[in-house]
Amino acid sequence: MGFGSYDESEQQDQNVDTDDSDGVTVHEHDHDGEISTEASASTEELVAGLQDMSSDDD
């Protein structure tokens, strides 16, 4: 094997005691709400600005 020795006996019957009280709560800071944005520029102005930025990379 290319990654070192492999002993299947080490992979069987592994019992691990876990304590979930120290875990990370992924939903601890969930928020319900809405986000709205208003653009002061028109779609044409935004597209022109994007084209200017992409042409600057060349």
PDB file of N, CA and C in Angstrom:
ATOM      1  N   MET A   1       0.838  -1.182   0.000  1.00  0.00           N
ATOM      2  CA  MET A   1       0.000   0.000   0.000  1.00  0.00           C
ATOM      3  C   MET A   1       0.883   1.246   0.000  1.00  0.00           C
ATOM      4  N   GLY A   2       0.488   2.236  -0.712  1.00  0.00           N
ATOM      5  CA  GLY A   2       1.302   3.421  -0.863  1.00  0.00           C
ATOM      6  C   GLY A   2       1.259   4.377   0.307  1.00  0.00           C
ATOM      7  N   PHE A   3       0.295   4.261   1.200  1.00  0.00           N
ATOM      8  CA  PHE A   3       0.153   5.230   2.282  1.00  0.00           C
ATOM      9  C   PHE A   3       0.519   4.641   3.645  1.00  0.00           C
ATOM     10  N   GLY A   4       1.371   3.651   3.684  1.00  0.00           N
ATOM     11  CA  GLY A   4       1.777   3.052   4.943  1.00  0.00           C
ATOM     12  C   GLY A   4       0.969   1.800   5.235  1.00  0.00           C
ATOM     13  N   SER A   5       1.236   1.227   6.389  1.00  0.00           N
ATOM     14  CA  SER A   5       0.576  -0.030   6.729  1.00  0.00           C
ATOM     15  C   SER A   5      -0.877   0.215   7.109  1.00  0.00           C
ATOM     16  N   TYR A   6      -1.664  -0.820   6.954  1.00  0.00           N
ATOM     17  CA  TYR A   6      -3.093  -0.743   7.249  1.00  0.00           C
ATOM     18  C   TYR A   6      -3.471  -1.987   8.012  1.00  0.00           C
ATOM     19  N   ASP A   7      -3.968  -1.796   9.194  1.00  0.00           N
ATOM     20  CA  ASP A   7      -4.360  -2.919  10.027  1.00  0.00           C
ATOM     21  C   ASP A   7      -5.868  -2.844  10.231  1.00  0.00           C
ATOM     22  N   GLU A   8      -6.612  -3.791   9.667  1.00  0.00           N
ATOM     23  CA  GLU A   8      -8.072  -3.769   9.759  1.00  0.00           C
ATOM     24  C   GLU A   8      -8.561  -3.920  11.188  1.00  0.00           C
ATOM     25  N   SER A   9      -7.765  -4.535  12.053  1.00  0.00           N
ATOM     26  CA  SER A   9      -8.201  -4.715  13.436  1.00  0.00           C
ATOM     27  C   SER A   9      -8.329  -3.359  14.148  1.00  0.00           C
ATOM     28  N   GLU A  10      -7.588  -2.365  13.709  1.00  0.00           N
ATOM     29  CA  GLU A  10      -7.697  -1.035  14.295  1.00  0.00           C
ATOM     30  C   GLU A  10      -8.970  -0.315  13.867  1.00  0.00           C
ATOM     31  N   GLN A  11      -9.587  -0.767  12.810  1.00  0.00           N
ATOM     32  CA  GLN A  11     -10.761  -0.098  12.253  1.00  0.00           C
ATOM     33  C   GLN A  11     -12.073  -0.675  12.762  1.00  0.00           C
ATOM     34  N   GLN A  12     -12.028  -1.775  13.488  1.00  0.00           N
ATOM     35  CA  GLN A  12     -13.240  -2.435  13.938  1.00  0.00           C
ATOM     36  C   GLN A  12     -13.578  -2.052  15.378  1.00  0.00           C
ATOM     37  N   ASP A  13     -14.874  -1.998  15.658  1.00  0.00           N
ATOM     38  CA  ASP A  13     -15.385  -1.832  17.027  1.00  0.00           C
ATOM     39  C   ASP A  13     -14.762  -0.646  17.758  1.00  0.00           C
ATOM     40  N   GLN A  14     -14.764   0.496  17.131  1.00  0.00           N
ATOM     41  CA  GLN A  14     -14.251   1.681  17.806  1.00  0.00           C
ATOM     42  C   GLN A  14     -15.408   2.376  18.516  1.00  0.00           C
ATOM     43  N   ASN A  15     -15.367   2.382  19.821  1.00  0.00           N
ATOM     44  CA  ASN A  15     -16.381   3.055  20.623  1.00  0.00           C
ATOM     45  C   ASN A  15     -15.796   4.365  21.135  1.00  0.00           C
ATOM     46  N   VAL A  16     -16.461   5.452  20.810  1.00  0.00           N
ATOM     47  CA  VAL A  16     -15.979   6.762  21.212  1.00  0.00           C
ATOM     48  C   VAL A  16     -17.061   7.421  22.039  1.00  0.00           C
ATOM     49  N   ASP A  17     -16.708   7.850  23.240  1.00  0.00           N
ATOM     50  CA  ASP A  17     -17.653   8.584  24.074  1.00  0.00           C
ATOM     51  C   ASP A  17     -17.637  10.042  23.640  1.00  0.00           C
ATOM     52  N   THR A  18     -18.791  10.545  23.270  1.00  0.00           N
ATOM     53  CA  THR A  18     -18.885  11.943  22.849  1.00  0.00           C
ATOM     54  C   THR A  18     -19.779  12.700  23.804  1.00  0.00           C
ATOM     55  N   ASP A  19     -19.454  13.945  23.995  1.00  0.00           N
ATOM     56  CA  ASP A  19     -20.236  14.826  24.842  1.00  0.00           C
ATOM     57  C   ASP A  19     -20.733  15.965  23.970  1.00  0.00           C
ATOM     58  N   ASP A  20     -22.011  15.946  23.634  1.00  0.00           N
ATOM     59  CA  ASP A  20     -22.570  16.940  22.723  1.00  0.00           C
ATOM     60  C   ASP A  20     -22.719  18.320  23.353  1.00  0.00           C
ATOM     61  N   SER A  21     -22.541  18.442  24.653  1.00  0.00           N
ATOM     62  CA  SER A  21     -22.731  19.743  25.296  1.00  0.00           C
ATOM     63  C   SER A  21     -21.649  20.737  24.906  1.00  0.00           C
ATOM     64  N   ASP A  22     -20.482  20.271  24.475  1.00  0.00           N
ATOM     65  CA  ASP A  22     -19.405  21.164  24.074  1.00  0.00           C
ATOM     66  C   ASP A  22     -19.401  21.445  22.574  1.00  0.00           C
ATOM     67  N   GLY A  23     -20.368  20.914  21.846  1.00  0.00           N
ATOM     68  CA  GLY A  23     -20.403  21.068  20.403  1.00  0.00           C
ATOM     69  C   GLY A  23     -20.839  22.459  19.973  1.00  0.00           C
ATOM     70  N   VAL A  24     -20.735  22.695  18.695  1.00  0.00           N
ATOM     71  CA  VAL A  24     -21.136  23.968  18.105  1.00  0.00           C
ATOM     72  C   VAL A  24     -22.596  23.878  17.701  1.00  0.00           C
ATOM     73  N   THR A  25     -23.368  24.872  18.082  1.00  0.00           N
ATOM     74  CA  THR A  25     -24.769  24.942  17.679  1.00  0.00           C
ATOM     75  C   THR A  25     -24.849  25.788  16.418  1.00  0.00           C
ATOM     76  N   VAL A  26     -25.094  25.143  15.290  1.00  0.00           N
ATOM     77  CA  VAL A  26     -25.074  25.861  14.021  1.00  0.00           C
ATOM     78  C   VAL A  26     -26.273  26.777  13.842  1.00  0.00           C
ATOM     79  N   HIS A  27     -27.340  26.547  14.573  1.00  0.00           N
ATOM     80  CA  HIS A  27     -28.536  27.370  14.431  1.00  0.00           C
ATOM     81  C   HIS A  27     -28.668  28.384  15.565  1.00  0.00           C
ATOM     82  N   GLU A  28     -27.594  28.604  16.290  1.00  0.00           N
ATOM     83  CA  GLU A  28     -27.635  29.495  17.439  1.00  0.00           C
ATOM     84  C   GLU A  28     -27.972  30.932  17.045  1.00  0.00           C
ATOM     85  N   HIS A  29     -27.501  31.367  15.883  1.00  0.00           N
ATOM     86  CA  HIS A  29     -27.695  32.760  15.478  1.00  0.00           C
ATOM     87  C   HIS A  29     -28.531  32.873  14.207  1.00  0.00           C
ATOM     88  N   ASP A  30     -29.462  31.964  14.007  1.00  0.00           N
ATOM     89  CA  ASP A  30     -30.353  32.053  12.852  1.00  0.00           C
ATOM     90  C   ASP A  30     -31.305  33.226  13.039  1.00  0.00           C
ATOM     91  N   HIS A  31     -31.587  33.914  11.948  1.00  0.00           N
ATOM     92  CA  HIS A  31     -32.492  35.050  11.989  1.00  0.00           C
ATOM     93  C   HIS A  31     -33.468  34.945  10.839  1.00  0.00           C
ATOM     94  N   ASP A  32     -34.716  35.230  11.117  1.00  0.00           N
ATOM     95  CA  ASP A  32     -35.724  35.289  10.070  1.00  0.00           C
ATOM     96  C   ASP A  32     -35.944  36.752   9.737  1.00  0.00           C
ATOM     97  N   GLY A  33     -36.048  37.037   8.469  1.00  0.00           N
ATOM     98  CA  GLY A  33     -36.270  38.427   8.092  1.00  0.00           C
ATOM     99  C   GLY A  33     -36.148  38.595   6.598  1.00  0.00           C
ATOM    100  N   GLU A  34     -36.172  39.831   6.191  1.00  0.00           N
ATOM    101  CA  GLU A  34     -36.081  40.154   4.777  1.00  0.00           C
ATOM    102  C   GLU A  34     -34.943  41.134   4.550  1.00  0.00           C
ATOM    103  N   ILE A  35     -34.374  41.072   3.363  1.00  0.00           N
ATOM    104  CA  ILE A  35     -33.342  42.003   2.947  1.00  0.00           C
ATOM    105  C   ILE A  35     -33.818  42.659   1.658  1.00  0.00           C
ATOM    106  N   SER A  36     -33.729  43.950   1.636  1.00  0.00           N
ATOM    107  CA  SER A  36     -34.067  44.651   0.397  1.00  0.00           C
ATOM    108  C   SER A  36     -32.960  45.649   0.094  1.00  0.00           C
ATOM    109  N   THR A  37     -32.698  45.824  -1.179  1.00  0.00           N
ATOM    110  CA  THR A  37     -31.680  46.773  -1.605  1.00  0.00           C
ATOM    111  C   THR A  37     -32.253  47.657  -2.688  1.00  0.00           C
ATOM    112  N   GLU A  38     -31.722  48.829  -2.762  1.00  0.00           N
ATOM    113  CA  GLU A  38     -32.138  49.750  -3.818  1.00  0.00           C
ATOM    114  C   GLU A  38     -30.887  50.236  -4.526  1.00  0.00           C
ATOM    115  N   ALA A  39     -30.872  50.108  -5.823  1.00  0.00           N
ATOM    116  CA  ALA A  39     -29.741  50.584  -6.611  1.00  0.00           C
ATOM    117  C   ALA A  39     -30.101  51.950  -7.184  1.00  0.00           C
ATOM    118  N   SER A  40     -29.185  52.889  -7.036  1.00  0.00           N
ATOM    119  CA  SER A  40     -29.442  54.223  -7.573  1.00  0.00           C
ATOM    120  C   SER A  40     -29.125  54.294  -9.061  1.00  0.00           C
ATOM    121  N   ALA A  41     -28.398  53.290  -9.554  1.00  0.00           N
ATOM    122  CA  ALA A  41     -28.031  53.274 -10.968  1.00  0.00           C
ATOM    123  C   ALA A  41     -28.994  52.391 -11.744  1.00  0.00           C
ATOM    124  N   SER A  42     -29.142  52.703 -13.014  1.00  0.00           N
ATOM    125  CA  SER A  42     -30.001  51.888 -13.877  1.00  0.00           C
ATOM    126  C   SER A  42     -29.261  50.612 -14.272  1.00  0.00           C
ATOM    127  N   THR A  43     -29.985  49.671 -14.820  1.00  0.00           N
ATOM    128  CA  THR A  43     -29.383  48.418 -15.269  1.00  0.00           C
ATOM    129  C   THR A  43     -28.319  48.682 -16.319  1.00  0.00           C
ATOM    130  N   GLU A  44     -28.593  49.604 -17.212  1.00  0.00           N
ATOM    131  CA  GLU A  44     -27.626  49.932 -18.273  1.00  0.00           C
ATOM    132  C   GLU A  44     -26.336  50.489 -17.683  1.00  0.00           C
ATOM    133  N   GLU A  45     -26.462  51.340 -16.649  1.00  0.00           N
ATOM    134  CA  GLU A  45     -25.277  51.910 -16.017  1.00  0.00           C
ATOM    135  C   GLU A  45     -24.469  50.832 -15.297  1.00  0.00           C
ATOM    136  N   LEU A  46     -25.163  49.906 -14.658  1.00  0.00           N
ATOM    137  CA  LEU A  46     -24.477  48.819 -13.963  1.00  0.00           C
ATOM    138  C   LEU A  46     -23.749  47.909 -14.942  1.00  0.00           C
ATOM    139  N   VAL A  47     -24.393  47.593 -16.067  1.00  0.00           N
ATOM    140  CA  VAL A  47     -23.760  46.739 -17.081  1.00  0.00           C
ATOM    141  C   VAL A  47     -22.549  47.449 -17.680  1.00  0.00           C
ATOM    142  N   ALA A  48     -22.671  48.740 -17.941  1.00  0.00           N
ATOM    143  CA  ALA A  48     -21.543  49.502 -18.483  1.00  0.00           C
ATOM    144  C   ALA A  48     -20.380  49.510 -17.497  1.00  0.00           C
ATOM    145  N   GLY A  49     -20.667  49.662 -16.210  1.00  0.00           N
ATOM    146  CA  GLY A  49     -19.619  49.631 -15.200  1.00  0.00           C
ATOM    147  C   GLY A  49     -18.940  48.277 -15.128  1.00  0.00           C
ATOM    148  N   LEU A  50     -19.730  47.215 -15.252  1.00  0.00           N
ATOM    149  CA  LEU A  50     -19.170  45.860 -15.262  1.00  0.00           C
ATOM    150  C   LEU A  50     -18.268  45.660 -16.476  1.00  0.00           C
ATOM    151  N   GLN A  51     -18.691  46.151 -17.614  1.00  0.00           N
ATOM    152  CA  GLN A  51     -17.872  46.032 -18.818  1.00  0.00           C
ATOM    153  C   GLN A  51     -16.574  46.813 -18.671  1.00  0.00           C
ATOM    154  N   ASP A  52     -16.636  47.985 -18.027  1.00  0.00           N
ATOM    155  CA  ASP A  52     -15.425  48.764 -17.785  1.00  0.00           C
ATOM    156  C   ASP A  52     -14.459  48.004 -16.883  1.00  0.00           C
ATOM    157  N   MET A  53     -14.987  47.377 -15.835  1.00  0.00           N
ATOM    158  CA  MET A  53     -14.138  46.619 -14.925  1.00  0.00           C
ATOM    159  C   MET A  53     -13.506  45.416 -15.615  1.00  0.00           C
ATOM    160  N   SER A  54     -14.273  44.730 -16.437  1.00  0.00           N
ATOM    161  CA  SER A  54     -13.717  43.551 -17.105  1.00  0.00           C
ATOM    162  C   SER A  54     -12.717  43.946 -18.179  1.00  0.00           C
ATOM    163  N   SER A  55     -12.875  45.107 -18.796  1.00  0.00           N
ATOM    164  CA  SER A  55     -11.904  45.545 -19.810  1.00  0.00           C
ATOM    165  C   SER A  55     -10.627  46.035 -19.159  1.00  0.00           C
ATOM    166  N   ASP A  56     -10.681  46.472 -17.891  1.00  0.00           N
ATOM    167  CA  ASP A  56      -9.482  46.912 -17.177  1.00  0.00           C
ATOM    168  C   ASP A  56      -8.562  45.746 -16.864  1.00  0.00           C
ATOM    169  N   ASP A  57      -9.083  44.530 -16.769  1.00  0.00           N
ATOM    170  CA  ASP A  57      -8.283  43.351 -16.452  1.00  0.00           C
ATOM    171  C   ASP A  57      -7.383  42.947 -17.612  1.00  0.00           C
ATOM    172  N   ASP A  58      -7.699  43.357 -18.803  1.00  0.00           N
ATOM    173  CA  ASP A  58      -6.939  42.930 -20.000  1.00  0.00           C
ATOM    174  C   ASP A  58      -5.595  43.553 -20.101  1.00  0.00           C
TER     175      ASP A  58
END
